[in-house]
PDB file of N, CA and C in Angstrom:
ATOM      1  N   MET A   1     -13.005   5.290  10.106  1.00  0.00           N
ATOM      2  CA  MET A   1     -11.758   4.883  10.627  1.00  0.00           C
ATOM      3  C   MET A   1     -11.837   4.698  11.853  1.00  0.00           C
ATOM      4  N   SER A   2     -11.449   3.557  11.787  1.00  0.00           N
ATOM      5  CA  SER A   2     -11.117   4.079  13.232  1.00  0.00           C
ATOM      6  C   SER A   2      -9.722   4.621  14.227  1.00  0.00           C
ATOM      7  N   GLU A   3      -9.503   4.648  15.609  1.00  0.00           N
ATOM      8  CA  GLU A   3      -8.536   4.983  15.703  1.00  0.00           C
ATOM      9  C   GLU A   3      -7.601   4.501  15.793  1.00  0.00           C
ATOM     10  N   ALA A   4      -6.947   4.094  16.209  1.00  0.00           N
ATOM     11  CA  ALA A   4      -5.936   2.502  15.172  1.00  0.00           C
ATOM     12  C   ALA A   4      -5.572   2.793  14.389  1.00  0.00           C
ATOM     13  N   ALA A   5      -6.399   2.463  13.780  1.00  0.00           N
ATOM     14  CA  ALA A   5      -6.193   2.963  11.489  1.00  0.00           C
ATOM     15  C   ALA A   5      -5.516   4.848  11.520  1.00  0.00           C
ATOM     16  N   SER A   6      -6.880   5.066  11.686  1.00  0.00           N
ATOM     17  CA  SER A   6      -5.959   6.822  12.270  1.00  0.00           C
ATOM     18  C   SER A   6      -4.657   7.026  12.693  1.00  0.00           C
ATOM     19  N   SER A   7      -4.221   6.394  13.729  1.00  0.00           N
ATOM     20  CA  SER A   7      -3.399   6.999  14.118  1.00  0.00           C
ATOM     21  C   SER A   7      -2.625   6.169  13.115  1.00  0.00           C
ATOM     22  N   SER A   8      -2.204   4.708  12.493  1.00  0.00           N
ATOM     23  CA  SER A   8      -1.443   4.102  11.878  1.00  0.00           C
ATOM     24  C   SER A   8      -1.091   4.854  10.847  1.00  0.00           C
ATOM     25  N   ARG A   9      -2.573   5.687  10.400  1.00  0.00           N
ATOM     26  CA  ARG A   9      -2.259   6.336   8.772  1.00  0.00           C
ATOM     27  C   ARG A   9      -0.445   7.487   9.278  1.00  0.00           C
ATOM     28  N   GLU A  10      -1.730   8.554  10.254  1.00  0.00           N
ATOM     29  CA  GLU A  10      -0.733   9.252  11.007  1.00  0.00           C
ATOM     30  C   GLU A  10       0.833   9.305  10.753  1.00  0.00           C
ATOM     31  N   LEU A  11       0.919   8.000  11.809  1.00  0.00           N
ATOM     32  CA  LEU A  11       2.264   7.344  11.761  1.00  0.00           C
ATOM     33  C   LEU A  11       3.612   6.986  10.307  1.00  0.00           C
ATOM     34  N   ALA A  12       2.512   6.913   9.527  1.00  0.00           N
ATOM     35  CA  ALA A  12       2.816   6.478   8.534  1.00  0.00           C
ATOM     36  C   ALA A  12       3.044   7.679   7.254  1.00  0.00           C
ATOM     37  N   LEU A  13       1.820   8.213   6.838  1.00  0.00           N
ATOM     38  CA  LEU A  13       2.474   9.908   6.024  1.00  0.00           C
ATOM     39  C   LEU A  13       3.275  11.285   7.622  1.00  0.00           C
ATOM     40  N   TRP A  14       3.639  10.631   8.716  1.00  0.00           N
ATOM     41  CA  TRP A  14       4.896  11.698   9.570  1.00  0.00           C
ATOM     42  C   TRP A  14       6.418  10.704   8.852  1.00  0.00           C
ATOM     43  N   ALA A  15       6.186   9.684   8.985  1.00  0.00           N
ATOM     44  CA  ALA A  15       7.574   8.248   8.465  1.00  0.00           C
ATOM     45  C   ALA A  15       7.863   9.119   7.481  1.00  0.00           C
ATOM     46  N   ALA A  16       6.777   9.571   6.476  1.00  0.00           N
ATOM     47  CA  ALA A  16       7.016   9.707   5.506  1.00  0.00           C
ATOM     48  C   ALA A  16       7.378  11.808   4.994  1.00  0.00           C
ATOM     49  N   GLU A  17       7.019  12.259   5.831  1.00  0.00           N
ATOM     50  CA  GLU A  17       7.511  13.795   6.067  1.00  0.00           C
ATOM     51  C   GLU A  17       8.809  13.249   5.797  1.00  0.00           C
ATOM     52  N   LEU A  18       9.784  12.316   7.778  1.00  0.00           N
ATOM     53  CA  LEU A  18      10.647  12.412   8.015  1.00  0.00           C
ATOM     54  C   LEU A  18      12.254  11.832   6.814  1.00  0.00           C
ATOM     55  N   ALA A  19      11.605  11.201   6.210  1.00  0.00           N
ATOM     56  CA  ALA A  19      12.547  10.835   4.649  1.00  0.00           C
ATOM     57  C   ALA A  19      12.800  11.460   3.820  1.00  0.00           C
ATOM     58  N   ALA A  20      11.599  12.839   3.204  1.00  0.00           N
ATOM     59  CA  ALA A  20      12.073  13.539   2.274  1.00  0.00           C
ATOM     60  C   ALA A  20      12.911  14.783   3.425  1.00  0.00           C
ATOM     61  N   GLU A  21      12.443  14.385   4.614  1.00  0.00           N
ATOM     62  CA  GLU A  21      13.517  15.575   5.269  1.00  0.00           C
ATOM     63  C   GLU A  21      15.054  15.519   5.185  1.00  0.00           C
ATOM     64  N   LYS A  22      14.828  14.192   4.683  1.00  0.00           N
ATOM     65  CA  LYS A  22      16.947  13.547   4.294  1.00  0.00           C
ATOM     66  C   LYS A  22      17.445  13.170   2.480  1.00  0.00           C
ATOM     67  N   LYS A  23      15.637  13.836   1.826  1.00  0.00           N
ATOM     68  CA  LYS A  23      15.764  13.480   0.574  1.00  0.00           C
ATOM     69  C   LYS A  23      15.120  12.134  -0.092  1.00  0.00           C
ATOM     70  N   ALA A  24      14.679  11.333   0.972  1.00  0.00           N
ATOM     71  CA  ALA A  24      14.782  10.383   0.378  1.00  0.00           C
ATOM     72  C   ALA A  24      13.911  10.684  -0.757  1.00  0.00           C
ATOM     73  N   GLU A  25      14.167   9.311  -1.673  1.00  0.00           N
ATOM     74  CA  GLU A  25      13.257   9.570  -3.540  1.00  0.00           C
ATOM     75  C   GLU A  25      12.397   8.385  -3.988  1.00  0.00           C
ATOM     76  N   ASP A  26      11.539   9.133  -4.284  1.00  0.00           N
ATOM     77  CA  ASP A  26      10.201   8.061  -5.295  1.00  0.00           C
ATOM     78  C   ASP A  26       9.522   7.005  -4.024  1.00  0.00           C
ATOM     79  N   LEU A  27       8.989   8.621  -2.644  1.00  0.00           N
ATOM     80  CA  LEU A  27       8.233   7.892  -1.963  1.00  0.00           C
ATOM     81  C   LEU A  27       7.355   7.201  -1.802  1.00  0.00           C
ATOM     82  N   ILE A  28       6.897   6.216  -1.679  1.00  0.00           N
ATOM     83  CA  ILE A  28       5.470   5.363  -1.623  1.00  0.00           C
ATOM     84  C   ILE A  28       4.964   4.882  -0.209  1.00  0.00           C
ATOM     85  N   LEU A  29       3.317   5.600  -0.305  1.00  0.00           N
ATOM     86  CA  LEU A  29       2.807   4.581   0.830  1.00  0.00           C
ATOM     87  C   LEU A  29       1.318   3.897   0.264  1.00  0.00           C
ATOM     88  N   LEU A  30       1.826   2.758   0.764  1.00  0.00           N
ATOM     89  CA  LEU A  30       0.458   1.295   0.695  1.00  0.00           C
ATOM     90  C   LEU A  30      -0.009   1.125   1.389  1.00  0.00           C
ATOM     91  N   GLU A  31      -1.001   1.617   1.712  1.00  0.00           N
ATOM     92  CA  GLU A  31      -1.719   0.964   2.544  1.00  0.00           C
ATOM     93  C   GLU A  31      -1.753  -0.921   2.891  1.00  0.00           C
ATOM     94  N   VAL A  32      -1.116  -1.523   2.982  1.00  0.00           N
ATOM     95  CA  VAL A  32      -1.248  -2.905   3.591  1.00  0.00           C
ATOM     96  C   VAL A  32      -2.575  -3.631   3.944  1.00  0.00           C
ATOM     97  N   SER A  33      -2.738  -3.060   4.354  1.00  0.00           N
ATOM     98  CA  SER A  33      -3.693  -3.722   5.271  1.00  0.00           C
ATOM     99  C   SER A  33      -4.509  -4.997   4.991  1.00  0.00           C
ATOM    100  N   LYS A  34      -5.225  -4.028   3.524  1.00  0.00           N
ATOM    101  CA  LYS A  34      -6.344  -3.696   2.693  1.00  0.00           C
ATOM    102  C   LYS A  34      -6.173  -5.581   2.006  1.00  0.00           C
ATOM    103  N   VAL A  35      -5.242  -5.313   2.153  1.00  0.00           N
ATOM    104  CA  VAL A  35      -4.209  -7.405   1.705  1.00  0.00           C
ATOM    105  C   VAL A  35      -3.736  -7.943   2.795  1.00  0.00           C
ATOM    106  N   SER A  36      -3.038  -7.596   3.074  1.00  0.00           N
ATOM    107  CA  SER A  36      -2.740  -8.508   4.645  1.00  0.00           C
ATOM    108  C   SER A  36      -2.941  -8.116   5.687  1.00  0.00           C
ATOM    109  N   ILE A  37      -2.198  -9.577   6.823  1.00  0.00           N
ATOM    110  CA  ILE A  37      -1.806  -8.928   8.565  1.00  0.00           C
ATOM    111  C   ILE A  37      -0.958  -7.883   8.595  1.00  0.00           C
ATOM    112  N   ILE A  38      -0.358  -8.599   7.596  1.00  0.00           N
ATOM    113  CA  ILE A  38       1.380  -8.062   7.974  1.00  0.00           C
ATOM    114  C   ILE A  38       1.979  -6.796   8.720  1.00  0.00           C
ATOM    115  N   ALA A  39       0.918  -6.021   8.178  1.00  0.00           N
ATOM    116  CA  ALA A  39       0.828  -4.745   8.847  1.00  0.00           C
ATOM    117  C   ALA A  39       0.241  -3.908   7.924  1.00  0.00           C
ATOM    118  N   ASP A  40      -0.363  -2.314   8.884  1.00  0.00           N
ATOM    119  CA  ASP A  40      -1.698  -1.656   8.281  1.00  0.00           C
ATOM    120  C   ASP A  40      -0.606  -1.468   6.951  1.00  0.00           C
ATOM    121  N   TYR A  41       0.589  -0.502   7.340  1.00  0.00           N
ATOM    122  CA  TYR A  41       1.504   0.530   6.127  1.00  0.00           C
ATOM    123  C   TYR A  41       2.855  -0.255   5.639  1.00  0.00           C
ATOM    124  N   PHE A  42       3.265  -0.075   4.306  1.00  0.00           N
ATOM    125  CA  PHE A  42       4.484   0.207   4.331  1.00  0.00           C
ATOM    126  C   PHE A  42       4.525   1.510   3.433  1.00  0.00           C
ATOM    127  N   LEU A  43       6.179   2.492   3.919  1.00  0.00           N
ATOM    128  CA  LEU A  43       6.711   3.517   3.115  1.00  0.00           C
ATOM    129  C   LEU A  43       7.733   3.365   2.001  1.00  0.00           C
ATOM    130  N   ILE A  44       7.535   2.602   1.529  1.00  0.00           N
ATOM    131  CA  ILE A  44       8.939   2.439   0.014  1.00  0.00           C
ATOM    132  C   ILE A  44       9.877   3.879  -0.070  1.00  0.00           C
ATOM    133  N   ALA A  45      10.953   4.088  -0.169  1.00  0.00           N
ATOM    134  CA  ALA A  45      11.428   4.979  -0.421  1.00  0.00           C
ATOM    135  C   ALA A  45      13.168   4.260  -0.974  1.00  0.00           C
ATOM    136  N   THR A  46      13.701   4.882  -1.868  1.00  0.00           N
ATOM    137  CA  THR A  46      14.948   4.851  -2.280  1.00  0.00           C
ATOM    138  C   THR A  46      15.648   6.390  -2.094  1.00  0.00           C
ATOM    139  N   GLY A  47      17.056   5.707  -1.496  1.00  0.00           N
ATOM    140  CA  GLY A  47      18.564   6.094  -0.840  1.00  0.00           C
ATOM    141  C   GLY A  47      19.451   5.993  -2.285  1.00  0.00           C
ATOM    142  N   ARG A  48      19.957   7.176  -2.854  1.00  0.00           N
ATOM    143  CA  ARG A  48      21.109   7.069  -3.872  1.00  0.00           C
ATOM    144  C   ARG A  48      22.307   6.576  -4.089  1.00  0.00           C
ATOM    145  N   THR A  49      22.477   6.170  -2.610  1.00  0.00           N
ATOM    146  CA  THR A  49      23.892   5.736  -1.911  1.00  0.00           C
ATOM    147  C   THR A  49      23.916   4.723  -0.239  1.00  0.00           C
ATOM    148  N   ARG A  50      24.810   3.693  -0.499  1.00  0.00           N
ATOM    149  CA  ARG A  50      24.349   3.136   1.576  1.00  0.00           C
ATOM    150  C   ARG A  50      24.805   4.454   2.155  1.00  0.00           C
ATOM    151  N   ALA A  51      25.282   5.285   1.916  1.00  0.00           N
ATOM    152  CA  ALA A  51      25.839   6.635   3.164  1.00  0.00           C
ATOM    153  C   ALA A  51      24.464   7.371   3.475  1.00  0.00           C
ATOM    154  N   GLN A  52      23.196   7.199   2.143  1.00  0.00           N
ATOM    155  CA  GLN A  52      21.951   8.159   2.583  1.00  0.00           C
ATOM    156  C   GLN A  52      21.134   7.419   3.150  1.00  0.00           C
ATOM    157  N   VAL A  53      21.592   5.676   2.676  1.00  0.00           N
ATOM    158  CA  VAL A  53      19.843   4.738   2.896  1.00  0.00           C
ATOM    159  C   VAL A  53      20.016   4.704   4.895  1.00  0.00           C
ATOM    160  N   HIS A  54      21.435   4.842   5.064  1.00  0.00           N
ATOM    161  CA  HIS A  54      21.935   5.107   6.750  1.00  0.00           C
ATOM    162  C   HIS A  54      21.260   5.799   7.234  1.00  0.00           C
ATOM    163  N   ALA A  55      21.259   6.968   6.237  1.00  0.00           N
ATOM    164  CA  ALA A  55      21.158   8.379   7.204  1.00  0.00           C
ATOM    165  C   ALA A  55      19.899   8.501   7.693  1.00  0.00           C
ATOM    166  N   ILE A  56      18.705   7.959   6.290  1.00  0.00           N
ATOM    167  CA  ILE A  56      17.700   8.198   6.109  1.00  0.00           C
ATOM    168  C   ILE A  56      16.777   6.951   7.253  1.00  0.00           C
ATOM    169  N   CYS A  57      17.639   6.146   7.561  1.00  0.00           N
ATOM    170  CA  CYS A  57      17.064   5.446   8.433  1.00  0.00           C
ATOM    171  C   CYS A  57      17.576   5.063  10.227  1.00  0.00           C
ATOM    172  N   ASP A  58      19.091   6.162  10.211  1.00  0.00           N
ATOM    173  CA  ASP A  58      18.964   6.326  11.513  1.00  0.00           C
ATOM    174  C   ASP A  58      18.217   7.875  12.041  1.00  0.00           C
ATOM    175  N   TYR A  59      18.416   9.019  11.240  1.00  0.00           N
ATOM    176  CA  TYR A  59      16.934   9.603  11.680  1.00  0.00           C
ATOM    177  C   TYR A  59      15.873   9.161  11.623  1.00  0.00           C
ATOM    178  N   LEU A  60      15.045   8.562  10.532  1.00  0.00           N
ATOM    179  CA  LEU A  60      13.752   7.901  10.634  1.00  0.00           C
ATOM    180  C   LEU A  60      13.899   7.174  12.720  1.00  0.00           C
ATOM    181  N   MET A  61      15.297   6.567  13.552  1.00  0.00           N
ATOM    182  CA  MET A  61      15.065   5.463  14.290  1.00  0.00           C
ATOM    183  C   MET A  61      15.273   6.393  15.347  1.00  0.00           C
ATOM    184  N   GLU A  62      15.704   7.760  15.251  1.00  0.00           N
ATOM    185  CA  GLU A  62      16.386   8.532  15.543  1.00  0.00           C
ATOM    186  C   GLU A  62      14.997   9.849  16.087  1.00  0.00           C
ATOM    187  N   LYS A  63      14.224   9.707  15.636  1.00  0.00           N
ATOM    188  CA  LYS A  63      13.011  10.457  15.745  1.00  0.00           C
ATOM    189  C   LYS A  63      11.352   8.994  16.243  1.00  0.00           C
ATOM    190  N   PHE A  64      11.705   8.465  15.970  1.00  0.00           N
ATOM    191  CA  PHE A  64      10.994   7.705  16.288  1.00  0.00           C
ATOM    192  C   PHE A  64      11.228   6.624  17.917  1.00  0.00           C
ATOM    193  N   ARG A  65      12.074   6.969  17.969  1.00  0.00           N
ATOM    194  CA  ARG A  65      13.192   6.592  19.323  1.00  0.00           C
ATOM    195  C   ARG A  65      12.355   7.570  20.128  1.00  0.00           C
ATOM    196  N   GLU A  66      12.109   9.392  19.878  1.00  0.00           N
ATOM    197  CA  GLU A  66      11.529  10.201  20.097  1.00  0.00           C
ATOM    198  C   GLU A  66      10.564  10.665  19.977  1.00  0.00           C
ATOM    199  N   ARG A  67       9.788   9.410  20.043  1.00  0.00           N
ATOM    200  CA  ARG A  67       8.203   9.386  20.248  1.00  0.00           C
ATOM    201  C   ARG A  67       8.193   8.227  21.761  1.00  0.00           C
ATOM    202  N   ARG A  68       8.844   7.038  20.740  1.00  0.00           N
ATOM    203  CA  ARG A  68       8.739   6.307  21.971  1.00  0.00           C
ATOM    204  C   ARG A  68       8.203   5.058  21.391  1.00  0.00           C
ATOM    205  N   ARG A  69       8.461   4.923  20.080  1.00  0.00           N
ATOM    206  CA  ARG A  69       8.067   4.308  19.045  1.00  0.00           C
ATOM    207  C   ARG A  69       8.817   3.029  18.869  1.00  0.00           C
ATOM    208  N   PRO A  70       8.385   1.631  19.436  1.00  0.00           N
ATOM    209  CA  PRO A  70       9.702   0.936  19.675  1.00  0.00           C
ATOM    210  C   PRO A  70      10.446   0.044  18.592  1.00  0.00           C
ATOM    211  N   LEU A  71      11.061  -0.084  18.353  1.00  0.00           N
ATOM    212  CA  LEU A  71      11.793  -0.254  17.106  1.00  0.00           C
ATOM    213  C   LEU A  71      11.871  -2.191  16.913  1.00  0.00           C
ATOM    214  N   LEU A  72      10.740  -3.330  16.260  1.00  0.00           N
ATOM    215  CA  LEU A  72      10.468  -3.988  16.151  1.00  0.00           C
ATOM    216  C   LEU A  72      11.601  -5.214  15.827  1.00  0.00           C
ATOM    217  N   GLY A  73      12.029  -4.453  15.097  1.00  0.00           N
ATOM    218  CA  GLY A  73      12.983  -5.002  14.306  1.00  0.00           C
ATOM    219  C   GLY A  73      13.727  -4.249  12.496  1.00  0.00           C
ATOM    220  N   LEU A  74      14.392  -4.395  12.611  1.00  0.00           N
ATOM    221  CA  LEU A  74      15.703  -4.382  11.592  1.00  0.00           C
ATOM    222  C   LEU A  74      16.548  -5.207  11.125  1.00  0.00           C
ATOM    223  N   GLU A  75      16.889  -5.172  10.123  1.00  0.00           N
ATOM    224  CA  GLU A  75      17.437  -5.834   8.668  1.00  0.00           C
ATOM    225  C   GLU A  75      17.945  -4.790   7.429  1.00  0.00           C
ATOM    226  N   GLY A  76      19.398  -5.526   7.471  1.00  0.00           N
ATOM    227  CA  GLY A  76      19.743  -5.329   6.562  1.00  0.00           C
ATOM    228  C   GLY A  76      20.874  -4.006   6.182  1.00  0.00           C
ATOM    229  N   TYR A  77      20.556  -3.427   7.551  1.00  0.00           N
ATOM    230  CA  TYR A  77      21.403  -2.048   7.835  1.00  0.00           C
ATOM    231  C   TYR A  77      22.748  -1.997   7.787  1.00  0.00           C
ATOM    232  N   GLN A  78      23.827  -3.252   8.130  1.00  0.00           N
ATOM    233  CA  GLN A  78      25.452  -3.146   7.839  1.00  0.00           C
ATOM    234  C   GLN A  78      25.506  -2.587   5.975  1.00  0.00           C
ATOM    235  N   GLU A  79      24.616  -3.686   5.425  1.00  0.00           N
ATOM    236  CA  GLU A  79      24.814  -3.544   3.529  1.00  0.00           C
ATOM    237  C   GLU A  79      24.176  -2.307   2.939  1.00  0.00           C
ATOM    238  N   GLY A  80      23.681  -2.205   3.694  1.00  0.00           N
ATOM    239  CA  GLY A  80      22.391  -1.040   3.470  1.00  0.00           C
ATOM    240  C   GLY A  80      21.878  -0.662   1.655  1.00  0.00           C
ATOM    241  N   TRP A  81      21.301  -2.329   1.058  1.00  0.00           N
ATOM    242  CA  TRP A  81      21.374  -1.736  -0.783  1.00  0.00           C
ATOM    243  C   TRP A  81      19.712  -2.250  -0.310  1.00  0.00           C
ATOM    244  N   TRP A  82      19.097  -2.757   1.137  1.00  0.00           N
ATOM    245  CA  TRP A  82      17.657  -2.184   1.438  1.00  0.00           C
ATOM    246  C   TRP A  82      16.862  -2.220   2.977  1.00  0.00           C
ATOM    247  N   VAL A  83      16.878  -0.946   3.562  1.00  0.00           N
ATOM    248  CA  VAL A  83      17.151  -2.224   4.970  1.00  0.00           C
ATOM    249  C   VAL A  83      15.486  -1.738   5.225  1.00  0.00           C
ATOM    250  N   VAL A  84      15.127  -3.137   6.024  1.00  0.00           N
ATOM    251  CA  VAL A  84      13.417  -3.253   6.380  1.00  0.00           C
ATOM    252  C   VAL A  84      13.802  -2.244   8.466  1.00  0.00           C
ATOM    253  N   LEU A  85      13.298  -1.212   8.466  1.00  0.00           N
ATOM    254  CA  LEU A  85      12.974  -1.267   9.820  1.00  0.00           C
ATOM    255  C   LEU A  85      11.009  -1.709   9.572  1.00  0.00           C
ATOM    256  N   ASP A  86      10.805  -2.088  11.084  1.00  0.00           N
ATOM    257  CA  ASP A  86       9.435  -2.533  11.111  1.00  0.00           C
ATOM    258  C   ASP A  86       9.197  -2.185  12.881  1.00  0.00           C
ATOM    259  N   TYR A  87       8.110  -1.857  12.566  1.00  0.00           N
ATOM    260  CA  TYR A  87       7.310  -0.804  13.428  1.00  0.00           C
ATOM    261  C   TYR A  87       5.952  -1.040  13.896  1.00  0.00           C
ATOM    262  N   GLY A  88       5.760  -2.658  13.348  1.00  0.00           N
ATOM    263  CA  GLY A  88       4.566  -2.940  13.621  1.00  0.00           C
ATOM    264  C   GLY A  88       3.571  -2.835  12.288  1.00  0.00           C
ATOM    265  N   ASP A  89       2.716  -1.909  13.295  1.00  0.00           N
ATOM    266  CA  ASP A  89       1.475  -1.154  12.064  1.00  0.00           C
ATOM    267  C   ASP A  89       2.119  -0.766  10.789  1.00  0.00           C
ATOM    268  N   LEU A  90       3.630  -0.614  11.000  1.00  0.00           N
ATOM    269  CA  LEU A  90       4.204   0.427  10.066  1.00  0.00           C
ATOM    270  C   LEU A  90       5.346  -0.316   9.634  1.00  0.00           C
ATOM    271  N   VAL A  91       6.163  -0.380   7.907  1.00  0.00           N
ATOM    272  CA  VAL A  91       6.993  -1.316   7.710  1.00  0.00           C
ATOM    273  C   VAL A  91       7.855   0.028   6.908  1.00  0.00           C
ATOM    274  N   ILE A  92       8.851   0.027   6.880  1.00  0.00           N
ATOM    275  CA  ILE A  92       9.097   0.188   6.389  1.00  0.00           C
ATOM    276  C   ILE A  92      11.110  -0.004   5.377  1.00  0.00           C
ATOM    277  N   HIS A  93      10.616   0.416   3.847  1.00  0.00           N
ATOM    278  CA  HIS A  93      11.588  -0.214   3.134  1.00  0.00           C
ATOM    279  C   HIS A  93      12.297   1.122   2.655  1.00  0.00           C
ATOM    280  N   LEU A  94      13.731   0.989   2.580  1.00  0.00           N
ATOM    281  CA  LEU A  94      14.360   1.930   2.028  1.00  0.00           C
ATOM    282  C   LEU A  94      15.802   1.472   1.020  1.00  0.00           C
ATOM    283  N   PHE A  95      15.574   1.904  -0.910  1.00  0.00           N
ATOM    284  CA  PHE A  95      16.071   0.591  -0.886  1.00  0.00           C
ATOM    285  C   PHE A  95      17.825   1.901  -1.343  1.00  0.00           C
ATOM    286  N   GLN A  96      18.808   0.897  -2.185  1.00  0.00           N
ATOM    287  CA  GLN A  96      19.711   1.622  -3.176  1.00  0.00           C
ATOM    288  C   GLN A  96      18.383   1.598  -4.621  1.00  0.00           C
ATOM    289  N   PRO A  97      18.449   2.621  -5.092  1.00  0.00           N
ATOM    290  CA  PRO A  97      18.452   2.129  -6.652  1.00  0.00           C
ATOM    291  C   PRO A  97      17.745   1.015  -7.175  1.00  0.00           C
ATOM    292  N   GLU A  98      19.080   0.653  -7.599  1.00  0.00           N
ATOM    293  CA  GLU A  98      18.770  -1.103  -8.448  1.00  0.00           C
ATOM    294  C   GLU A  98      18.861  -2.376  -7.053  1.00  0.00           C
ATOM    295  N   ALA A  99      18.576  -2.170  -5.906  1.00  0.00           N
ATOM    296  CA  ALA A  99      17.748  -2.948  -5.302  1.00  0.00           C
ATOM    297  C   ALA A  99      16.027  -2.950  -5.282  1.00  0.00           C
ATOM    298  N   ARG A 100      15.477  -1.076  -5.021  1.00  0.00           N
ATOM    299  CA  ARG A 100      14.849  -1.336  -5.548  1.00  0.00           C
ATOM    300  C   ARG A 100      13.574  -1.664  -6.796  1.00  0.00           C
ATOM    301  N   GLU A 101      15.120  -1.456  -7.792  1.00  0.00           N
ATOM    302  CA  GLU A 101      13.945  -2.356  -9.216  1.00  0.00           C
ATOM    303  C   GLU A 101      14.721  -3.900  -9.212  1.00  0.00           C
ATOM    304  N   PHE A 102      15.440  -3.990  -8.948  1.00  0.00           N
ATOM    305  CA  PHE A 102      15.272  -5.492  -8.413  1.00  0.00           C
ATOM    306  C   PHE A 102      13.593  -6.649  -8.091  1.00  0.00           C
ATOM    307  N   TYR A 103      13.206  -5.642  -6.669  1.00  0.00           N
ATOM    308  CA  TYR A 103      12.454  -5.725  -5.945  1.00  0.00           C
ATOM    309  C   TYR A 103      11.411  -6.204  -6.206  1.00  0.00           C
ATOM    310  N   ASN A 104      11.192  -4.511  -6.644  1.00  0.00           N
ATOM    311  CA  ASN A 104       9.744  -4.349  -6.944  1.00  0.00           C
ATOM    312  C   ASN A 104       8.334  -4.334  -6.321  1.00  0.00           C
ATOM    313  N   LEU A 105       9.207  -3.565  -4.862  1.00  0.00           N
ATOM    314  CA  LEU A 105       7.838  -4.157  -3.509  1.00  0.00           C
ATOM    315  C   LEU A 105       6.606  -3.079  -4.818  1.00  0.00           C
ATOM    316  N   GLU A 106       6.205  -2.861  -5.050  1.00  0.00           N
ATOM    317  CA  GLU A 106       5.165  -1.699  -5.894  1.00  0.00           C
ATOM    318  C   GLU A 106       4.422  -3.374  -6.434  1.00  0.00           C
ATOM    319  N   ARG A 107       4.972  -3.814  -7.051  1.00  0.00           N
ATOM    320  CA  ARG A 107       4.049  -4.527  -8.372  1.00  0.00           C
ATOM    321  C   ARG A 107       4.061  -5.985  -6.803  1.00  0.00           C
ATOM    322  N   LEU A 108       5.112  -6.708  -6.384  1.00  0.00           N
ATOM    323  CA  LEU A 108       4.213  -7.312  -5.531  1.00  0.00           C
ATOM    324  C   LEU A 108       3.782  -7.433  -4.393  1.00  0.00           C
ATOM    325  N   TRP A 109       3.873  -6.085  -4.011  1.00  0.00           N
ATOM    326  CA  TRP A 109       2.154  -5.327  -3.720  1.00  0.00           C
ATOM    327  C   TRP A 109       0.501  -4.518  -4.052  1.00  0.00           C
ATOM    328  N   SER A 110       1.113  -4.591  -5.755  1.00  0.00           N
ATOM    329  CA  SER A 110       0.069  -3.663  -6.062  1.00  0.00           C
ATOM    330  C   SER A 110      -1.335  -3.809  -6.021  1.00  0.00           C
ATOM    331  N   ARG A 111      -1.763  -4.328  -5.145  1.00  0.00           N
ATOM    332  CA  ARG A 111      -3.145  -4.046  -4.788  1.00  0.00           C
ATOM    333  C   ARG A 111      -3.690  -3.671  -4.172  1.00  0.00           C
ATOM    334  N   ALA A 112      -2.532  -3.367  -2.837  1.00  0.00           N
ATOM    335  CA  ALA A 112      -2.669  -2.753  -1.603  1.00  0.00           C
ATOM    336  C   ALA A 112      -2.675  -1.164  -2.165  1.00  0.00           C
ATOM    337  N   PRO A 113      -3.765  -0.436  -1.483  1.00  0.00           N
ATOM    338  CA  PRO A 113      -3.815   1.289  -1.932  1.00  0.00           C
ATOM    339  C   PRO A 113      -2.858   1.528  -1.551  1.00  0.00           C
ATOM    340  N   LEU A 114      -3.328   2.668  -2.871  1.00  0.00           N
ATOM    341  CA  LEU A 114      -1.697   4.326  -2.551  1.00  0.00           C
ATOM    342  C   LEU A 114      -1.974   4.924  -1.690  1.00  0.00           C
ATOM    343  N   VAL A 115      -1.498   5.666  -1.152  1.00  0.00           N
ATOM    344  CA  VAL A 115      -1.740   6.382  -0.115  1.00  0.00           C
ATOM    345  C   VAL A 115      -1.224   8.002  -0.903  1.00  0.00           C
ATOM    346  N   GLU A 116      -1.491   8.554  -0.552  1.00  0.00           N
ATOM    347  CA  GLU A 116      -1.598   9.956  -1.181  1.00  0.00           C
ATOM    348  C   GLU A 116       0.095  10.231  -0.265  1.00  0.00           C
ATOM    349  N   ILE A 117       0.729  11.068  -0.668  1.00  0.00           N
ATOM    350  CA  ILE A 117       1.629  11.500   0.353  1.00  0.00           C
ATOM    351  C   ILE A 117       1.997  12.903  -0.354  1.00  0.00           C
ATOM    352  N   ARG A 118       1.498  14.353   0.803  1.00  0.00           N
ATOM    353  CA  ARG A 118       1.359  15.574   0.284  1.00  0.00           C
ATOM    354  C   ARG A 118       2.515  15.854   1.081  1.00  0.00           C
ATOM    355  N   PRO A 119       3.754  16.380   0.078  1.00  0.00           N
ATOM    356  CA  PRO A 119       4.598  16.938   1.277  1.00  0.00           C
ATOM    357  C   PRO A 119       4.221  18.351   1.981  1.00  0.00           C
ATOM    358  N   ARG A 120       4.755  18.514   3.173  1.00  0.00           N
ATOM    359  CA  ARG A 120       4.885  20.044   3.577  1.00  0.00           C
ATOM    360  C   ARG A 120       5.717  21.232   3.151  1.00  0.00           C
ATOM    361  N   ASP A 121       4.510  22.153   3.051  1.00  0.00           N
ATOM    362  CA  ASP A 121       5.638  23.578   1.792  1.00  0.00           C
ATOM    363  C   ASP A 121       6.502  23.421   3.187  1.00  0.00           C
ATOM    364  N   ASP A 122       7.381  23.714   4.274  1.00  0.00           N
ATOM    365  CA  ASP A 122       8.870  24.301   4.974  1.00  0.00           C
ATOM    366  C   ASP A 122       9.303  22.692   4.338  1.00  0.00           C
ATOM    367  N   VAL A 123       9.057  21.627   4.431  1.00  0.00           N
ATOM    368  CA  VAL A 123       9.834  20.466   4.371  1.00  0.00           C
ATOM    369  C   VAL A 123      10.935  19.922   2.281  1.00  0.00           C
ATOM    370  N   ALA A 124       9.135  20.370   1.464  1.00  0.00           N
ATOM    371  CA  ALA A 124       9.009  21.008  -0.053  1.00  0.00           C
ATOM    372  C   ALA A 124      10.201  21.644  -0.057  1.00  0.00           C
ATOM    373  N   GLU A 125      10.185  22.973   0.669  1.00  0.00           N
ATOM    374  CA  GLU A 125      10.629  23.643   0.186  1.00  0.00           C
ATOM    375  C   GLU A 125      12.506  23.854   0.860  1.00  0.00           C
ATOM    376  N   ARG A 126      13.280  23.266   1.411  1.00  0.00           N
ATOM    377  CA  ARG A 126      14.871  23.326   1.499  1.00  0.00           C
ATOM    378  C   ARG A 126      15.151  22.427   0.243  1.00  0.00           C
TER     379      ARG A 126
END
């Protein structure tokens, strides 16, 4: 694995940890670079309500800003139904449950390998 790929993977896993800290559910990390040039990874997560989707999104943007990772695109924030954060090599999809079920990105990107997300002990205990 190249250093850039390793860095992308670490960033994606870190983003999954951050989302889990805000109680995101059903976290899925797909290595889409194996099937597309659109990004290296997709992180898919669910927030129960618009407010929770916003809280997860705001937290991720804050933490990425602290690491000086520029946000290249943000879509759907106002509605909070399906929010997409584009960080280039990582694209984060935050859904409310009904939107996630309707769009079913896991099925659409089913050829992309699934990356195991292991929660840190201190995150899992909160």
